[in-house]
């Protein structure tokens, strides 16, 4: 599931607990815990931010320069996490796509 402007599914309730983001899928009764970096990605899954913008935010938070290999690695990491979140049903399907 490659989404350029990822958006959280409306069935998900999210809450920050210390340095984790806890996600609760209301329909499935499932709970997922995200670490601090994944929580930042989740926070930016609002349908407005692009994968590149989310990766840039991760680099900024870690104090890593947003260039070359670091940017490519961050974008790949964001896409991998989004694929996982999508497979778990935590992201809304892109417009025109039905799950």
C-alpha atoms as a PDB file:
ATOM      1  CA  UNK A   1       0.000   0.000   0.000  1.00  0.00           C
ATOM      2  CA  UNK A   2       1.953   3.006  -1.215  1.00  0.00           C
ATOM      3  CA  UNK A   3       0.199   6.177  -0.129  1.00  0.00           C
ATOM      4  CA  UNK A   4       1.765   9.539  -0.912  1.00  0.00           C
ATOM      5  CA  UNK A   5      -0.462  11.463   1.547  1.00  0.00           C
ATOM      6  CA  UNK A   6      -1.179   8.893   4.298  1.00  0.00           C
ATOM      7  CA  UNK A   7      -4.179   9.368   6.538  1.00  0.00           C
ATOM      8  CA  UNK A   8      -5.132   7.604   9.755  1.00  0.00           C
ATOM      9  CA  UNK A   9      -8.263   5.488   9.579  1.00  0.00           C
ATOM     10  CA  UNK A  10     -11.236   7.083  11.336  1.00  0.00           C
ATOM     11  CA  UNK A  11     -11.748   3.804  13.260  1.00  0.00           C
ATOM     12  CA  UNK A  12      -8.515   4.392  15.198  1.00  0.00           C
ATOM     13  CA  UNK A  13      -8.301   6.082  18.578  1.00  0.00           C
ATOM     14  CA  UNK A  14      -4.785   7.290  19.440  1.00  0.00           C
ATOM     15  CA  UNK A  15      -3.332   8.330  22.760  1.00  0.00           C
ATOM     16  CA  UNK A  16       0.187   9.287  23.783  1.00  0.00           C
ATOM     17  CA  UNK A  17       1.433   7.416  26.871  1.00  0.00           C
ATOM     18  CA  UNK A  18       4.905   8.562  27.924  1.00  0.00           C
ATOM     19  CA  UNK A  19       7.108   7.981  24.861  1.00  0.00           C
ATOM     20  CA  UNK A  20       4.689   5.636  23.057  1.00  0.00           C
ATOM     21  CA  UNK A  21       1.619   6.169  20.923  1.00  0.00           C
ATOM     22  CA  UNK A  22      -1.110   3.647  21.669  1.00  0.00           C
ATOM     23  CA  UNK A  23      -3.548   2.924  18.844  1.00  0.00           C
ATOM     24  CA  UNK A  24      -6.876   1.236  19.392  1.00  0.00           C
ATOM     25  CA  UNK A  25      -8.790  -0.143  16.397  1.00  0.00           C
ATOM     26  CA  UNK A  26     -12.408   0.243  17.496  1.00  0.00           C
ATOM     27  CA  UNK A  27     -13.881  -2.213  14.971  1.00  0.00           C
ATOM     28  CA  UNK A  28     -11.341  -4.985  15.561  1.00  0.00           C
ATOM     29  CA  UNK A  29     -10.660  -4.424  19.267  1.00  0.00           C
ATOM     30  CA  UNK A  30      -6.917  -4.440  18.571  1.00  0.00           C
ATOM     31  CA  UNK A  31      -4.309  -2.380  20.398  1.00  0.00           C
ATOM     32  CA  UNK A  32      -0.970  -1.395  18.871  1.00  0.00           C
ATOM     33  CA  UNK A  33       1.950   0.422  20.520  1.00  0.00           C
ATOM     34  CA  UNK A  34       4.261   2.646  18.483  1.00  0.00           C
ATOM     35  CA  UNK A  35       7.662   3.861  19.610  1.00  0.00           C
ATOM     36  CA  UNK A  36       8.465   7.572  19.604  1.00  0.00           C
ATOM     37  CA  UNK A  37       9.621   7.716  15.962  1.00  0.00           C
ATOM     38  CA  UNK A  38       6.682   5.695  14.677  1.00  0.00           C
ATOM     39  CA  UNK A  39       4.423   7.894  16.802  1.00  0.00           C
ATOM     40  CA  UNK A  40       5.747  10.970  15.002  1.00  0.00           C
ATOM     41  CA  UNK A  41       4.961   9.322  11.673  1.00  0.00           C
ATOM     42  CA  UNK A  42       1.468   8.495  12.956  1.00  0.00           C
ATOM     43  CA  UNK A  43       0.908  12.089  14.087  1.00  0.00           C
ATOM     44  CA  UNK A  44       1.692  13.274  10.561  1.00  0.00           C
ATOM     45  CA  UNK A  45      -0.670  10.775   8.873  1.00  0.00           C
ATOM     46  CA  UNK A  46      -3.294  13.472   8.430  1.00  0.00           C
ATOM     47  CA  UNK A  47      -3.801  13.298   4.658  1.00  0.00           C
ATOM     48  CA  UNK A  48      -1.895  16.551   4.150  1.00  0.00           C
ATOM     49  CA  UNK A  49       1.735  15.558   4.715  1.00  0.00           C
ATOM     50  CA  UNK A  50       3.661  13.676   2.043  1.00  0.00           C
ATOM     51  CA  UNK A  51       5.999  10.770   2.701  1.00  0.00           C
ATOM     52  CA  UNK A  52       8.906  13.121   1.983  1.00  0.00           C
ATOM     53  CA  UNK A  53       7.648  15.673   4.527  1.00  0.00           C
ATOM     54  CA  UNK A  54       7.205  12.964   7.155  1.00  0.00           C
ATOM     55  CA  UNK A  55      10.734  11.663   6.495  1.00  0.00           C
ATOM     56  CA  UNK A  56      12.059  15.223   6.771  1.00  0.00           C
ATOM     57  CA  UNK A  57      10.361  15.592  10.176  1.00  0.00           C
ATOM     58  CA  UNK A  58      12.042  12.371  11.371  1.00  0.00           C
ATOM     59  CA  UNK A  59      15.433  13.611  10.216  1.00  0.00           C
ATOM     60  CA  UNK A  60      14.874  16.958  11.900  1.00  0.00           C
ATOM     61  CA  UNK A  61      13.894  15.327  15.181  1.00  0.00           C
ATOM     62  CA  UNK A  62      17.002  13.148  15.132  1.00  0.00           C
ATOM     63  CA  UNK A  63      19.281  16.038  14.169  1.00  0.00           C
ATOM     64  CA  UNK A  64      20.312  14.318  10.937  1.00  0.00           C
ATOM     65  CA  UNK A  65      20.995  16.397   7.828  1.00  0.00           C
ATOM     66  CA  UNK A  66      18.213  16.127   5.252  1.00  0.00           C
ATOM     67  CA  UNK A  67      20.325  15.126   2.273  1.00  0.00           C
ATOM     68  CA  UNK A  68      21.328  12.247   0.041  1.00  0.00           C
ATOM     69  CA  UNK A  69      21.493   8.801   1.579  1.00  0.00           C
ATOM     70  CA  UNK A  70      19.939   9.869   4.900  1.00  0.00           C
ATOM     71  CA  UNK A  71      16.868  11.251   3.110  1.00  0.00           C
ATOM     72  CA  UNK A  72      16.510   8.135   0.941  1.00  0.00           C
ATOM     73  CA  UNK A  73      16.833   5.870   4.000  1.00  0.00           C
ATOM     74  CA  UNK A  74      14.297   7.926   5.989  1.00  0.00           C
ATOM     75  CA  UNK A  75      11.790   7.853   3.127  1.00  0.00           C
ATOM     76  CA  UNK A  76      12.245   4.079   2.754  1.00  0.00           C
ATOM     77  CA  UNK A  77      11.739   3.632   6.502  1.00  0.00           C
ATOM     78  CA  UNK A  78       8.568   5.769   6.432  1.00  0.00           C
ATOM     79  CA  UNK A  79       7.195   3.814   3.465  1.00  0.00           C
ATOM     80  CA  UNK A  80       7.939   0.497   5.222  1.00  0.00           C
ATOM     81  CA  UNK A  81       6.137   1.668   8.360  1.00  0.00           C
ATOM     82  CA  UNK A  82       3.182   2.927   6.302  1.00  0.00           C
ATOM     83  CA  UNK A  83       2.983  -0.453   4.558  1.00  0.00           C
ATOM     84  CA  UNK A  84       2.858  -2.143   7.959  1.00  0.00           C
ATOM     85  CA  UNK A  85       0.261   0.286   9.340  1.00  0.00           C
ATOM     86  CA  UNK A  86      -1.815  -0.172   6.189  1.00  0.00           C
ATOM     87  CA  UNK A  87      -1.641  -3.961   6.431  1.00  0.00           C
ATOM     88  CA  UNK A  88      -2.929  -3.688  10.014  1.00  0.00           C
ATOM     89  CA  UNK A  89      -5.898  -1.620   8.823  1.00  0.00           C
ATOM     90  CA  UNK A  90      -4.726   1.498  10.653  1.00  0.00           C
ATOM     91  CA  UNK A  91      -4.623   3.781   7.601  1.00  0.00           C
ATOM     92  CA  UNK A  92      -7.528   4.992   5.513  1.00  0.00           C
ATOM     93  CA  UNK A  93      -7.581   3.641   1.967  1.00  0.00           C
ATOM     94  CA  UNK A  94      -6.517   6.190  -0.651  1.00  0.00           C
ATOM     95  CA  UNK A  95      -9.353   7.861  -2.547  1.00  0.00           C
ATOM     96  CA  UNK A  96     -10.742   5.509  -5.174  1.00  0.00           C
ATOM     97  CA  UNK A  97      -9.365   2.387  -3.457  1.00  0.00           C
ATOM     98  CA  UNK A  98     -11.629   0.049  -1.513  1.00  0.00           C
ATOM     99  CA  UNK A  99     -10.289  -2.406   1.043  1.00  0.00           C
END
